[in-house]
Amino acid sequence: MLRRLTDRGTEYCGKVEQHDYQLYLAINDIAHTKTKAMSPQTNGICERFHKTILQDFYQVTFRKK
């Protein structure tokens, strides 16, 4: 993964040395792009993409057999 697009939620944003997610991105050399403030259209696209990843990848990969 080269770049990660997220909204400006506190679970994604913070100082690299104090935030686990930012530290992970820095260690793995992944660029972090944040949506514009007050941009509900972009936030909607971002949220829908995360939901798709959850449904199509994560739940299929880690579901109980």
PDB file of N, CA and C in Angstrom:
ATOM      1  N   MET A   1       0.845  -1.151   0.000  1.00  0.00           N
ATOM      2  CA  MET A   1       0.000   0.000   0.000  1.00  0.00           C
ATOM      3  C   MET A   1       0.903   1.230   0.000  1.00  0.00           C
ATOM      4  N   LEU A   2       0.613   2.142  -0.897  1.00  0.00           N
ATOM      5  CA  LEU A   2       1.427   3.346  -1.005  1.00  0.00           C
ATOM      6  C   LEU A   2       0.817   4.549  -0.303  1.00  0.00           C
ATOM      7  N   ARG A   3      -0.516   4.609  -0.287  1.00  0.00           N
ATOM      8  CA  ARG A   3      -1.187   5.763   0.297  1.00  0.00           C
ATOM      9  C   ARG A   3      -2.493   5.327   0.934  1.00  0.00           C
ATOM     10  N   ARG A   4      -2.842   5.978   2.011  1.00  0.00           N
ATOM     11  CA  ARG A   4      -4.082   5.684   2.735  1.00  0.00           C
ATOM     12  C   ARG A   4      -4.886   6.970   2.853  1.00  0.00           C
ATOM     13  N   LEU A   5      -6.137   6.943   2.395  1.00  0.00           N
ATOM     14  CA  LEU A   5      -7.045   8.080   2.500  1.00  0.00           C
ATOM     15  C   LEU A   5      -7.982   7.842   3.671  1.00  0.00           C
ATOM     16  N   THR A   6      -8.012   8.784   4.602  1.00  0.00           N
ATOM     17  CA  THR A   6      -8.914   8.676   5.743  1.00  0.00           C
ATOM     18  C   THR A   6      -9.611  10.009   5.961  1.00  0.00           C
ATOM     19  N   ASP A   7     -10.668   9.963   6.751  1.00  0.00           N
ATOM     20  CA  ASP A   7     -11.271  11.219   7.174  1.00  0.00           C
ATOM     21  C   ASP A   7     -10.397  11.797   8.286  1.00  0.00           C
ATOM     22  N   ARG A   8     -10.820  12.854   8.885  1.00  0.00           N
ATOM     23  CA  ARG A   8      -9.999  13.510   9.904  1.00  0.00           C
ATOM     24  C   ARG A   8     -10.357  13.055  11.320  1.00  0.00           C
ATOM     25  N   GLY A   9     -10.857  11.841  11.435  1.00  0.00           N
ATOM     26  CA  GLY A   9     -11.231  11.303  12.741  1.00  0.00           C
ATOM     27  C   GLY A   9     -10.026  11.119  13.648  1.00  0.00           C
ATOM     28  N   THR A  10     -10.272  11.193  14.943  1.00  0.00           N
ATOM     29  CA  THR A  10      -9.174  11.081  15.906  1.00  0.00           C
ATOM     30  C   THR A  10      -8.532   9.698  15.905  1.00  0.00           C
ATOM     31  N   GLU A  11      -9.232   8.691  15.401  1.00  0.00           N
ATOM     32  CA  GLU A  11      -8.634   7.361  15.339  1.00  0.00           C
ATOM     33  C   GLU A  11      -7.550   7.274  14.272  1.00  0.00           C
ATOM     34  N   TYR A  12      -7.493   8.258  13.358  1.00  0.00           N
ATOM     35  CA  TYR A  12      -6.504   8.256  12.278  1.00  0.00           C
ATOM     36  C   TYR A  12      -5.478   9.373  12.375  1.00  0.00           C
ATOM     37  N   CYS A  13      -5.770  10.423  13.088  1.00  0.00           N
ATOM     38  CA  CYS A  13      -4.916  11.614  13.069  1.00  0.00           C
ATOM     39  C   CYS A  13      -4.268  11.871  14.421  1.00  0.00           C
ATOM     40  N   GLY A  14      -3.073  12.345  14.372  1.00  0.00           N
ATOM     41  CA  GLY A  14      -2.337  12.691  15.585  1.00  0.00           C
ATOM     42  C   GLY A  14      -0.861  12.826  15.271  1.00  0.00           C
ATOM     43  N   LYS A  15      -0.069  13.170  16.254  1.00  0.00           N
ATOM     44  CA  LYS A  15       1.373  13.271  16.068  1.00  0.00           C
ATOM     45  C   LYS A  15       1.961  11.872  15.939  1.00  0.00           C
ATOM     46  N   VAL A  16       2.898  11.718  15.027  1.00  0.00           N
ATOM     47  CA  VAL A  16       3.487  10.403  14.749  1.00  0.00           C
ATOM     48  C   VAL A  16       4.021   9.745  16.009  1.00  0.00           C
ATOM     49  N   GLU A  17       4.724  10.493  16.828  1.00  0.00           N
ATOM     50  CA  GLU A  17       5.348   9.894  18.011  1.00  0.00           C
ATOM     51  C   GLU A  17       4.348   9.561  19.110  1.00  0.00           C
ATOM     52  N   GLN A  18       3.101  10.032  19.001  1.00  0.00           N
ATOM     53  CA  GLN A  18       2.113   9.789  20.054  1.00  0.00           C
ATOM     54  C   GLN A  18       0.900   8.994  19.580  1.00  0.00           C
ATOM     55  N   HIS A  19       0.825   8.667  18.312  1.00  0.00           N
ATOM     56  CA  HIS A  19      -0.375   8.036  17.775  1.00  0.00           C
ATOM     57  C   HIS A  19      -0.008   6.730  17.077  1.00  0.00           C
ATOM     58  N   ASP A  20      -0.589   5.628  17.517  1.00  0.00           N
ATOM     59  CA  ASP A  20      -0.232   4.305  16.991  1.00  0.00           C
ATOM     60  C   ASP A  20      -0.428   4.194  15.481  1.00  0.00           C
ATOM     61  N   TYR A  21      -1.558   4.693  14.972  1.00  0.00           N
ATOM     62  CA  TYR A  21      -1.851   4.578  13.541  1.00  0.00           C
ATOM     63  C   TYR A  21      -0.844   5.375  12.717  1.00  0.00           C
ATOM     64  N   GLN A  22      -0.553   6.600  13.138  1.00  0.00           N
ATOM     65  CA  GLN A  22       0.416   7.431  12.424  1.00  0.00           C
ATOM     66  C   GLN A  22       1.808   6.799  12.474  1.00  0.00           C
ATOM     67  N   LEU A  23       2.158   6.226  13.598  1.00  0.00           N
ATOM     68  CA  LEU A  23       3.450   5.558  13.735  1.00  0.00           C
ATOM     69  C   LEU A  23       3.542   4.360  12.791  1.00  0.00           C
ATOM     70  N   TYR A  24       2.470   3.568  12.709  1.00  0.00           N
ATOM     71  CA  TYR A  24       2.431   2.423  11.794  1.00  0.00           C
ATOM     72  C   TYR A  24       2.656   2.876  10.354  1.00  0.00           C
ATOM     73  N   LEU A  25       1.967   3.937   9.942  1.00  0.00           N
ATOM     74  CA  LEU A  25       2.122   4.443   8.578  1.00  0.00           C
ATOM     75  C   LEU A  25       3.552   4.921   8.334  1.00  0.00           C
ATOM     76  N   ALA A  26       4.132   5.609   9.301  1.00  0.00           N
ATOM     77  CA  ALA A  26       5.497   6.118   9.151  1.00  0.00           C
ATOM     78  C   ALA A  26       6.505   4.977   9.044  1.00  0.00           C
ATOM     79  N   ILE A  27       6.365   3.962   9.876  1.00  0.00           N
ATOM     80  CA  ILE A  27       7.291   2.825   9.853  1.00  0.00           C
ATOM     81  C   ILE A  27       7.223   2.088   8.522  1.00  0.00           C
ATOM     82  N   ASN A  28       6.016   1.961   7.966  1.00  0.00           N
ATOM     83  CA  ASN A  28       5.822   1.222   6.720  1.00  0.00           C
ATOM     84  C   ASN A  28       5.884   2.106   5.479  1.00  0.00           C
ATOM     85  N   ASP A  29       6.286   3.359   5.646  1.00  0.00           N
ATOM     86  CA  ASP A  29       6.456   4.304   4.542  1.00  0.00           C
ATOM     87  C   ASP A  29       5.188   4.419   3.689  1.00  0.00           C
ATOM     88  N   ILE A  30       4.063   4.609   4.359  1.00  0.00           N
ATOM     89  CA  ILE A  30       2.776   4.769   3.694  1.00  0.00           C
ATOM     90  C   ILE A  30       2.344   6.222   3.847  1.00  0.00           C
ATOM     91  N   ALA A  31       2.044   6.863   2.726  1.00  0.00           N
ATOM     92  CA  ALA A  31       1.592   8.255   2.769  1.00  0.00           C
ATOM     93  C   ALA A  31       0.176   8.302   3.334  1.00  0.00           C
ATOM     94  N   HIS A  32      -0.091   9.300   4.150  1.00  0.00           N
ATOM     95  CA  HIS A  32      -1.413   9.447   4.760  1.00  0.00           C
ATOM     96  C   HIS A  32      -2.061  10.711   4.220  1.00  0.00           C
ATOM     97  N   THR A  33      -3.127  10.539   3.447  1.00  0.00           N
ATOM     98  CA  THR A  33      -3.877  11.657   2.909  1.00  0.00           C
ATOM     99  C   THR A  33      -5.183  11.751   3.667  1.00  0.00           C
ATOM    100  N   LYS A  34      -5.506  12.957   4.113  1.00  0.00           N
ATOM    101  CA  LYS A  34      -6.749  13.168   4.854  1.00  0.00           C
ATOM    102  C   LYS A  34      -7.728  13.936   3.979  1.00  0.00           C
ATOM    103  N   THR A  35      -9.016  13.666   4.147  1.00  0.00           N
ATOM    104  CA  THR A  35     -10.029  14.389   3.390  1.00  0.00           C
ATOM    105  C   THR A  35     -10.052  15.847   3.824  1.00  0.00           C
ATOM    106  N   LYS A  36     -10.597  16.699   2.967  1.00  0.00           N
ATOM    107  CA  LYS A  36     -10.735  18.111   3.309  1.00  0.00           C
ATOM    108  C   LYS A  36     -11.736  18.265   4.439  1.00  0.00           C
ATOM    109  N   ALA A  37     -11.503  19.255   5.261  1.00  0.00           N
ATOM    110  CA  ALA A  37     -12.464  19.564   6.320  1.00  0.00           C
ATOM    111  C   ALA A  37     -13.759  20.061   5.686  1.00  0.00           C
ATOM    112  N   MET A  38     -14.874  19.716   6.305  1.00  0.00           N
ATOM    113  CA  MET A  38     -16.192  20.141   5.842  1.00  0.00           C
ATOM    114  C   MET A  38     -16.483  19.661   4.418  1.00  0.00           C
ATOM    115  N   SER A  39     -16.123  18.433   4.099  1.00  0.00           N
ATOM    116  CA  SER A  39     -16.354  17.860   2.775  1.00  0.00           C
ATOM    117  C   SER A  39     -17.115  16.548   2.922  1.00  0.00           C
ATOM    118  N   PRO A  40     -18.438  16.615   3.087  1.00  0.00           N
ATOM    119  CA  PRO A  40     -19.210  15.397   3.322  1.00  0.00           C
ATOM    120  C   PRO A  40     -19.177  14.411   2.154  1.00  0.00           C
ATOM    121  N   GLN A  41     -19.028  14.899   0.923  1.00  0.00           N
ATOM    122  CA  GLN A  41     -18.979  13.993  -0.221  1.00  0.00           C
ATOM    123  C   GLN A  41     -17.735  13.115  -0.162  1.00  0.00           C
ATOM    124  N   THR A  42     -16.595  13.723   0.098  1.00  0.00           N
ATOM    125  CA  THR A  42     -15.353  12.956   0.185  1.00  0.00           C
ATOM    126  C   THR A  42     -15.373  12.030   1.390  1.00  0.00           C
ATOM    127  N   ASN A  43     -15.897  12.491   2.506  1.00  0.00           N
ATOM    128  CA  ASN A  43     -16.010  11.636   3.688  1.00  0.00           C
ATOM    129  C   ASN A  43     -16.887  10.429   3.394  1.00  0.00           C
ATOM    130  N   GLY A  44     -17.973  10.631   2.648  1.00  0.00           N
ATOM    131  CA  GLY A  44     -18.860   9.529   2.289  1.00  0.00           C
ATOM    132  C   GLY A  44     -18.158   8.491   1.431  1.00  0.00           C
ATOM    133  N   ILE A  45     -17.378   8.946   0.468  1.00  0.00           N
ATOM    134  CA  ILE A  45     -16.616   8.030  -0.388  1.00  0.00           C
ATOM    135  C   ILE A  45     -15.620   7.239   0.448  1.00  0.00           C
ATOM    136  N   CYS A  46     -14.943   7.930   1.326  1.00  0.00           N
ATOM    137  CA  CYS A  46     -13.950   7.296   2.199  1.00  0.00           C
ATOM    138  C   CYS A  46     -14.601   6.251   3.106  1.00  0.00           C
ATOM    139  N   GLU A  47     -15.699   6.616   3.745  1.00  0.00           N
ATOM    140  CA  GLU A  47     -16.403   5.690   4.643  1.00  0.00           C
ATOM    141  C   GLU A  47     -16.929   4.475   3.878  1.00  0.00           C
ATOM    142  N   ARG A  48     -17.456   4.688   2.674  1.00  0.00           N
ATOM    143  CA  ARG A  48     -17.976   3.573   1.881  1.00  0.00           C
ATOM    144  C   ARG A  48     -16.854   2.630   1.471  1.00  0.00           C
ATOM    145  N   PHE A  49     -15.706   3.177   1.138  1.00  0.00           N
ATOM    146  CA  PHE A  49     -14.567   2.343   0.771  1.00  0.00           C
ATOM    147  C   PHE A  49     -14.130   1.477   1.947  1.00  0.00           C
ATOM    148  N   HIS A  50     -14.076   2.066   3.136  1.00  0.00           N
ATOM    149  CA  HIS A  50     -13.708   1.296   4.330  1.00  0.00           C
ATOM    150  C   HIS A  50     -14.725   0.192   4.606  1.00  0.00           C
ATOM    151  N   LYS A  51     -16.009   0.472   4.387  1.00  0.00           N
ATOM    152  CA  LYS A  51     -17.049  -0.541   4.585  1.00  0.00           C
ATOM    153  C   LYS A  51     -16.875  -1.685   3.588  1.00  0.00           C
ATOM    154  N   THR A  52     -16.545  -1.343   2.342  1.00  0.00           N
ATOM    155  CA  THR A  52     -16.326  -2.364   1.317  1.00  0.00           C
ATOM    156  C   THR A  52     -15.147  -3.254   1.684  1.00  0.00           C
ATOM    157  N   ILE A  53     -14.066  -2.660   2.148  1.00  0.00           N
ATOM    158  CA  ILE A  53     -12.905  -3.451   2.578  1.00  0.00           C
ATOM    159  C   ILE A  53     -13.305  -4.396   3.704  1.00  0.00           C
ATOM    160  N   LEU A  54     -14.052  -3.879   4.667  1.00  0.00           N
ATOM    161  CA  LEU A  54     -14.484  -4.699   5.799  1.00  0.00           C
ATOM    162  C   LEU A  54     -15.330  -5.874   5.327  1.00  0.00           C
ATOM    163  N   GLN A  55     -16.282  -5.621   4.445  1.00  0.00           N
ATOM    164  CA  GLN A  55     -17.189  -6.672   3.989  1.00  0.00           C
ATOM    165  C   GLN A  55     -16.509  -7.668   3.059  1.00  0.00           C
ATOM    166  N   ASP A  56     -15.750  -7.178   2.096  1.00  0.00           N
ATOM    167  CA  ASP A  56     -15.211  -8.043   1.053  1.00  0.00           C
ATOM    168  C   ASP A  56     -13.881  -8.693   1.398  1.00  0.00           C
ATOM    169  N   PHE A  57     -13.127  -8.116   2.292  1.00  0.00           N
ATOM    170  CA  PHE A  57     -11.831  -8.693   2.616  1.00  0.00           C
ATOM    171  C   PHE A  57     -11.769  -9.214   4.038  1.00  0.00           C
ATOM    172  N   TYR A  58     -11.919  -8.327   4.985  1.00  0.00           N
ATOM    173  CA  TYR A  58     -11.701  -8.677   6.385  1.00  0.00           C
ATOM    174  C   TYR A  58     -12.635  -9.779   6.859  1.00  0.00           C
ATOM    175  N   GLN A  59     -13.938  -9.622   6.632  1.00  0.00           N
ATOM    176  CA  GLN A  59     -14.893 -10.612   7.129  1.00  0.00           C
ATOM    177  C   GLN A  59     -14.737 -11.951   6.422  1.00  0.00           C
ATOM    178  N   VAL A  60     -14.398 -11.937   5.141  1.00  0.00           N
ATOM    179  CA  VAL A  60     -14.187 -13.187   4.404  1.00  0.00           C
ATOM    180  C   VAL A  60     -12.910 -13.872   4.877  1.00  0.00           C
ATOM    181  N   THR A  61     -11.872 -13.113   5.088  1.00  0.00           N
ATOM    182  CA  THR A  61     -10.582 -13.663   5.490  1.00  0.00           C
ATOM    183  C   THR A  61     -10.605 -14.237   6.897  1.00  0.00           C
ATOM    184  N   PHE A  62     -11.280 -13.552   7.813  1.00  0.00           N
ATOM    185  CA  PHE A  62     -11.215 -13.943   9.213  1.00  0.00           C
ATOM    186  C   PHE A  62     -12.506 -14.542   9.764  1.00  0.00           C
ATOM    187  N   ARG A  63     -13.431 -14.912   8.902  1.00  0.00           N
ATOM    188  CA  ARG A  63     -14.680 -15.491   9.413  1.00  0.00           C
ATOM    189  C   ARG A  63     -14.417 -16.871  10.011  1.00  0.00           C
ATOM    190  N   LYS A  64     -15.270 -17.225  10.917  1.00  0.00           N
ATOM    191  CA  LYS A  64     -15.132 -18.529  11.568  1.00  0.00           C
ATOM    192  C   LYS A  64     -15.591 -19.616  10.621  1.00  0.00           C
ATOM    193  N   LYS A  65     -14.897 -20.730  10.658  1.00  0.00           N
ATOM    194  CA  LYS A  65     -15.252 -21.853   9.786  1.00  0.00           C
ATOM    195  C   LYS A  65     -15.978 -22.905  10.571  1.00  0.00           C
TER     196      LYS A  65
END
